[in-house]
Amino acid sequence: MSLSFVQAQALLHSSFIVHTSVGTVELRLIEATEIARPGLPAEYRTPMLLVFSAPASPVLAQDNYYFDHQSLGRHFWSVAPVIPPANRPITANNEPLNFYQVLFN
């Protein structure tokens, strides 16, 4: 199953469990953005970008990971670390967060 933008928007602020070589890490979906598609034929889906927040440790390297979500099941996505977004979420105890993106094109 391919993730649509509408599905991604419905999952904002929900948690995904990511499987890494050091165990599982919880990532929270904080942003879903459609990317402009000038010149892209109609039969191709509109590209989108998902941004996740995660605990400061462990740091995830740019790589492919299995993501589990209660509603979506398991998916294998390519993840890259990114700088914090302008509207950076604040934790209850001001702990630092890392941010990651998944690009669908």
N, C-alpha and C. Protein backbone atom coordinates (compact mmCIF):
# COMPACT_ATOMS: atom_id res chain seq x y z
N MET A 1 0.85 -1.18 0.00
CA MET A 1 0.00 0.00 0.00
C MET A 1 0.89 1.24 0.00
N SER A 2 0.54 2.18 -0.84
CA SER A 2 1.27 3.43 -0.93
C SER A 2 0.56 4.48 -0.07
N LEU A 3 1.31 5.28 0.63
CA LEU A 3 0.76 6.30 1.51
C LEU A 3 0.35 7.53 0.70
N SER A 4 -0.89 7.98 0.86
CA SER A 4 -1.35 9.18 0.18
C SER A 4 -1.19 10.39 1.11
N PHE A 5 -1.26 11.58 0.52
CA PHE A 5 -1.16 12.80 1.31
C PHE A 5 -2.31 12.91 2.30
N VAL A 6 -3.51 12.54 1.88
CA VAL A 6 -4.68 12.59 2.76
C VAL A 6 -4.47 11.67 3.96
N GLN A 7 -3.95 10.47 3.72
CA GLN A 7 -3.66 9.55 4.83
C GLN A 7 -2.61 10.13 5.75
N ALA A 8 -1.57 10.72 5.18
CA ALA A 8 -0.49 11.30 5.99
C ALA A 8 -1.02 12.42 6.87
N GLN A 9 -1.87 13.28 6.33
CA GLN A 9 -2.45 14.37 7.13
C GLN A 9 -3.26 13.82 8.30
N ALA A 10 -3.97 12.74 8.07
CA ALA A 10 -4.79 12.14 9.13
C ALA A 10 -3.91 11.56 10.24
N LEU A 11 -2.64 11.29 9.95
CA LEU A 11 -1.73 10.68 10.92
C LEU A 11 -0.86 11.70 11.65
N LEU A 12 -1.05 12.99 11.36
CA LEU A 12 -0.25 14.01 12.05
C LEU A 12 -0.34 13.85 13.56
N HIS A 13 0.79 13.98 14.22
CA HIS A 13 0.93 13.90 15.67
C HIS A 13 0.76 12.49 16.21
N SER A 14 0.78 11.50 15.33
CA SER A 14 0.74 10.12 15.81
C SER A 14 2.14 9.54 15.79
N SER A 15 2.32 8.43 16.48
CA SER A 15 3.64 7.81 16.64
C SER A 15 3.85 6.65 15.69
N PHE A 16 5.09 6.54 15.24
CA PHE A 16 5.54 5.44 14.42
C PHE A 16 6.69 4.77 15.17
N ILE A 17 6.77 3.47 15.12
CA ILE A 17 7.88 2.74 15.72
C ILE A 17 8.84 2.37 14.60
N VAL A 18 10.09 2.82 14.73
CA VAL A 18 11.10 2.58 13.71
C VAL A 18 12.09 1.55 14.23
N HIS A 19 12.39 0.57 13.40
CA HIS A 19 13.29 -0.52 13.78
C HIS A 19 14.70 -0.20 13.30
N THR A 20 15.63 -0.10 14.26
CA THR A 20 17.02 0.24 13.97
C THR A 20 17.93 -0.88 14.46
N SER A 21 19.20 -0.74 14.18
CA SER A 21 20.16 -1.76 14.62
C SER A 21 20.36 -1.73 16.14
N VAL A 22 19.94 -0.66 16.81
CA VAL A 22 20.08 -0.57 18.27
C VAL A 22 18.74 -0.73 18.99
N GLY A 23 17.73 -1.16 18.27
CA GLY A 23 16.41 -1.35 18.86
C GLY A 23 15.38 -0.46 18.20
N THR A 24 14.24 -0.32 18.85
CA THR A 24 13.17 0.49 18.27
C THR A 24 13.23 1.93 18.80
N VAL A 25 12.78 2.85 17.97
CA VAL A 25 12.73 4.27 18.31
C VAL A 25 11.35 4.79 17.91
N GLU A 26 10.77 5.61 18.77
CA GLU A 26 9.47 6.20 18.46
C GLU A 26 9.67 7.54 17.77
N LEU A 27 9.11 7.68 16.58
CA LEU A 27 9.11 8.94 15.85
C LEU A 27 7.68 9.46 15.81
N ARG A 28 7.51 10.77 15.91
CA ARG A 28 6.19 11.39 15.87
C ARG A 28 6.10 12.23 14.60
N LEU A 29 5.05 11.99 13.81
CA LEU A 29 4.84 12.75 12.58
C LEU A 29 4.38 14.16 12.93
N ILE A 30 5.17 15.16 12.56
CA ILE A 30 4.83 16.54 12.93
C ILE A 30 4.46 17.41 11.74
N GLU A 31 4.75 16.92 10.53
CA GLU A 31 4.46 17.74 9.36
C GLU A 31 4.29 16.86 8.14
N ALA A 32 3.31 17.18 7.30
CA ALA A 32 3.10 16.52 6.01
C ALA A 32 2.87 17.62 5.00
N THR A 33 3.69 17.66 3.95
CA THR A 33 3.62 18.75 2.97
C THR A 33 3.63 18.17 1.57
N GLU A 34 2.68 18.62 0.75
CA GLU A 34 2.71 18.27 -0.67
C GLU A 34 3.72 19.17 -1.36
N ILE A 35 4.43 18.62 -2.33
CA ILE A 35 5.43 19.37 -3.07
C ILE A 35 4.87 19.71 -4.45
N ALA A 36 5.10 20.93 -4.90
CA ALA A 36 4.59 21.38 -6.21
C ALA A 36 4.95 20.38 -7.30
N ARG A 37 4.07 20.24 -8.24
CA ARG A 37 4.27 19.25 -9.29
C ARG A 37 4.23 19.83 -10.70
N PRO A 38 4.83 20.98 -10.95
CA PRO A 38 4.76 21.54 -12.30
C PRO A 38 5.38 20.59 -13.32
N GLY A 39 4.63 20.34 -14.37
CA GLY A 39 5.12 19.48 -15.44
C GLY A 39 5.03 18.00 -15.17
N LEU A 40 4.61 17.58 -13.99
CA LEU A 40 4.51 16.16 -13.67
C LEU A 40 3.23 15.61 -14.28
N PRO A 41 3.32 14.56 -15.09
CA PRO A 41 2.11 13.99 -15.69
C PRO A 41 1.10 13.55 -14.62
N ALA A 42 -0.16 13.62 -14.95
CA ALA A 42 -1.25 13.33 -14.01
C ALA A 42 -1.21 11.92 -13.46
N GLU A 43 -0.63 10.98 -14.20
CA GLU A 43 -0.62 9.58 -13.73
C GLU A 43 0.37 9.36 -12.57
N TYR A 44 1.24 10.33 -12.31
CA TYR A 44 2.18 10.23 -11.19
C TYR A 44 1.60 10.92 -9.96
N ARG A 45 1.85 10.32 -8.82
CA ARG A 45 1.32 10.93 -7.60
C ARG A 45 2.09 12.22 -7.27
N THR A 46 1.41 13.08 -6.54
CA THR A 46 2.02 14.33 -6.11
C THR A 46 3.08 14.01 -5.07
N PRO A 47 4.31 14.50 -5.24
CA PRO A 47 5.34 14.25 -4.23
C PRO A 47 4.95 14.86 -2.89
N MET A 48 5.42 14.25 -1.81
CA MET A 48 5.17 14.80 -0.48
C MET A 48 6.37 14.55 0.41
N LEU A 49 6.42 15.36 1.46
CA LEU A 49 7.50 15.30 2.43
C LEU A 49 6.89 15.14 3.81
N LEU A 50 7.37 14.15 4.56
CA LEU A 50 6.95 13.95 5.94
C LEU A 50 8.11 14.32 6.85
N VAL A 51 7.82 15.05 7.93
CA VAL A 51 8.84 15.41 8.91
C VAL A 51 8.43 14.80 10.24
N PHE A 52 9.41 14.15 10.89
CA PHE A 52 9.19 13.48 12.16
C PHE A 52 10.09 14.07 13.23
N SER A 53 9.63 14.07 14.46
CA SER A 53 10.49 14.40 15.60
C SER A 53 10.81 13.09 16.32
N ALA A 54 11.95 13.08 17.01
CA ALA A 54 12.40 11.88 17.72
C ALA A 54 13.26 12.27 18.90
N PRO A 55 13.42 11.38 19.86
CA PRO A 55 14.32 11.66 20.98
C PRO A 55 15.74 11.95 20.48
N ALA A 56 16.51 12.66 21.28
CA ALA A 56 17.87 13.03 20.90
C ALA A 56 18.79 11.81 20.73
N SER A 57 18.44 10.73 21.39
CA SER A 57 19.26 9.52 21.31
C SER A 57 18.35 8.31 21.18
N PRO A 58 18.68 7.38 20.31
CA PRO A 58 19.84 7.34 19.42
C PRO A 58 19.61 8.22 18.20
N VAL A 59 20.70 8.64 17.59
CA VAL A 59 20.64 9.41 16.36
C VAL A 59 20.53 8.42 15.20
N LEU A 60 19.55 8.64 14.34
CA LEU A 60 19.39 7.76 13.18
C LEU A 60 20.22 8.28 12.02
N ALA A 61 20.96 7.40 11.41
CA ALA A 61 21.72 7.75 10.21
C ALA A 61 20.78 7.77 9.01
N GLN A 62 21.19 8.48 7.96
CA GLN A 62 20.41 8.42 6.73
C GLN A 62 20.46 6.98 6.24
N ASP A 63 19.28 6.36 6.15
CA ASP A 63 19.22 4.94 5.81
C ASP A 63 17.78 4.56 5.55
N ASN A 64 17.56 3.29 5.26
CA ASN A 64 16.22 2.74 5.09
C ASN A 64 15.84 1.99 6.35
N TYR A 65 14.61 2.21 6.83
CA TYR A 65 14.15 1.61 8.07
C TYR A 65 12.73 1.10 7.91
N TYR A 66 12.41 0.09 8.70
CA TYR A 66 11.02 -0.36 8.80
C TYR A 66 10.29 0.54 9.78
N PHE A 67 9.14 1.05 9.35
CA PHE A 67 8.25 1.87 10.17
C PHE A 67 6.99 1.07 10.45
N ASP A 68 6.59 1.00 11.69
CA ASP A 68 5.33 0.37 12.06
C ASP A 68 4.38 1.44 12.58
N HIS A 69 3.13 1.35 12.14
CA HIS A 69 2.09 2.26 12.63
C HIS A 69 0.82 1.45 12.85
N GLN A 70 0.15 1.77 13.91
CA GLN A 70 -1.06 1.04 14.30
C GLN A 70 -2.08 0.98 13.16
N SER A 71 -2.26 2.06 12.41
CA SER A 71 -3.26 2.10 11.33
C SER A 71 -2.72 1.65 9.98
N LEU A 72 -1.43 1.85 9.74
CA LEU A 72 -0.85 1.59 8.42
C LEU A 72 -0.16 0.24 8.27
N GLY A 73 0.21 -0.35 9.39
CA GLY A 73 1.02 -1.55 9.32
C GLY A 73 2.49 -1.21 9.14
N ARG A 74 3.23 -2.07 8.46
CA ARG A 74 4.68 -1.89 8.30
C ARG A 74 5.03 -1.39 6.91
N HIS A 75 5.95 -0.41 6.88
CA HIS A 75 6.46 0.14 5.63
C HIS A 75 7.97 0.30 5.73
N PHE A 76 8.64 0.26 4.59
CA PHE A 76 10.09 0.40 4.51
C PHE A 76 10.38 1.72 3.82
N TRP A 77 10.85 2.72 4.59
CA TRP A 77 11.04 4.07 4.07
C TRP A 77 12.48 4.53 4.25
N SER A 78 12.89 5.40 3.34
CA SER A 78 14.21 6.02 3.39
C SER A 78 14.13 7.29 4.24
N VAL A 79 15.00 7.38 5.25
CA VAL A 79 14.97 8.47 6.23
C VAL A 79 16.27 9.27 6.13
N ALA A 80 16.14 10.60 6.28
CA ALA A 80 17.31 11.47 6.32
C ALA A 80 17.15 12.46 7.46
N PRO A 81 18.22 12.70 8.23
CA PRO A 81 18.15 13.73 9.27
C PRO A 81 18.02 15.11 8.62
N VAL A 82 17.32 16.02 9.31
CA VAL A 82 17.15 17.39 8.81
C VAL A 82 17.32 18.36 9.97
N ILE A 83 17.54 19.62 9.62
CA ILE A 83 17.62 20.64 10.67
C ILE A 83 16.22 20.85 11.24
N PRO A 84 16.10 21.34 12.46
CA PRO A 84 14.78 21.52 13.06
C PRO A 84 13.91 22.47 12.24
N PRO A 85 12.61 22.16 12.15
CA PRO A 85 11.71 23.06 11.42
C PRO A 85 11.52 24.37 12.18
N ALA A 86 11.03 25.39 11.49
CA ALA A 86 10.82 26.71 12.11
C ALA A 86 9.84 26.62 13.28
N ASN A 87 8.84 25.78 13.14
CA ASN A 87 7.84 25.62 14.20
C ASN A 87 8.20 24.41 15.07
N ARG A 88 9.44 24.38 15.53
CA ARG A 88 9.99 23.27 16.30
C ARG A 88 9.13 22.95 17.52
N PRO A 89 8.72 21.68 17.66
CA PRO A 89 7.94 21.29 18.85
C PRO A 89 8.79 21.38 20.12
N ILE A 90 8.16 21.66 21.21
CA ILE A 90 8.82 21.74 22.52
C ILE A 90 8.34 20.57 23.36
N THR A 91 9.27 19.87 23.99
CA THR A 91 8.89 18.78 24.87
C THR A 91 8.46 19.34 26.22
N ALA A 92 7.73 18.55 26.97
CA ALA A 92 7.23 19.00 28.27
C ALA A 92 8.36 19.40 29.20
N ASN A 93 9.50 18.71 29.10
CA ASN A 93 10.63 19.01 29.99
C ASN A 93 11.81 19.63 29.22
N ASN A 94 11.52 20.21 28.06
CA ASN A 94 12.53 20.90 27.24
C ASN A 94 13.70 20.02 26.82
N GLU A 95 13.47 18.74 26.68
CA GLU A 95 14.52 17.85 26.19
C GLU A 95 14.73 18.08 24.70
N PRO A 96 15.97 17.96 24.24
CA PRO A 96 16.23 18.17 22.81
C PRO A 96 15.61 17.06 21.97
N LEU A 97 15.31 17.40 20.73
CA LEU A 97 14.75 16.45 19.79
C LEU A 97 15.60 16.42 18.53
N ASN A 98 15.55 15.31 17.82
CA ASN A 98 16.12 15.21 16.49
C ASN A 98 14.96 15.22 15.51
N PHE A 99 15.26 15.57 14.25
CA PHE A 99 14.23 15.65 13.23
C PHE A 99 14.68 14.89 11.99
N TYR A 100 13.72 14.23 11.35
CA TYR A 100 14.01 13.39 10.20
C TYR A 100 12.94 13.62 9.13
N GLN A 101 13.31 13.35 7.88
CA GLN A 101 12.33 13.47 6.82
C GLN A 101 12.26 12.20 6.00
N VAL A 102 11.07 11.98 5.44
CA VAL A 102 10.83 10.91 4.47
C VAL A 102 10.23 11.60 3.25
N LEU A 103 10.85 11.42 2.11
CA LEU A 103 10.40 12.07 0.87
C LEU A 103 9.78 11.02 -0.04
N PHE A 104 8.58 11.31 -0.51
CA PHE A 104 7.89 10.46 -1.49
C PHE A 104 7.83 11.24 -2.78
N ASN A 105 8.47 10.70 -3.85
CA ASN A 105 8.40 11.42 -5.13
C ASN A 105 8.01 10.51 -6.24
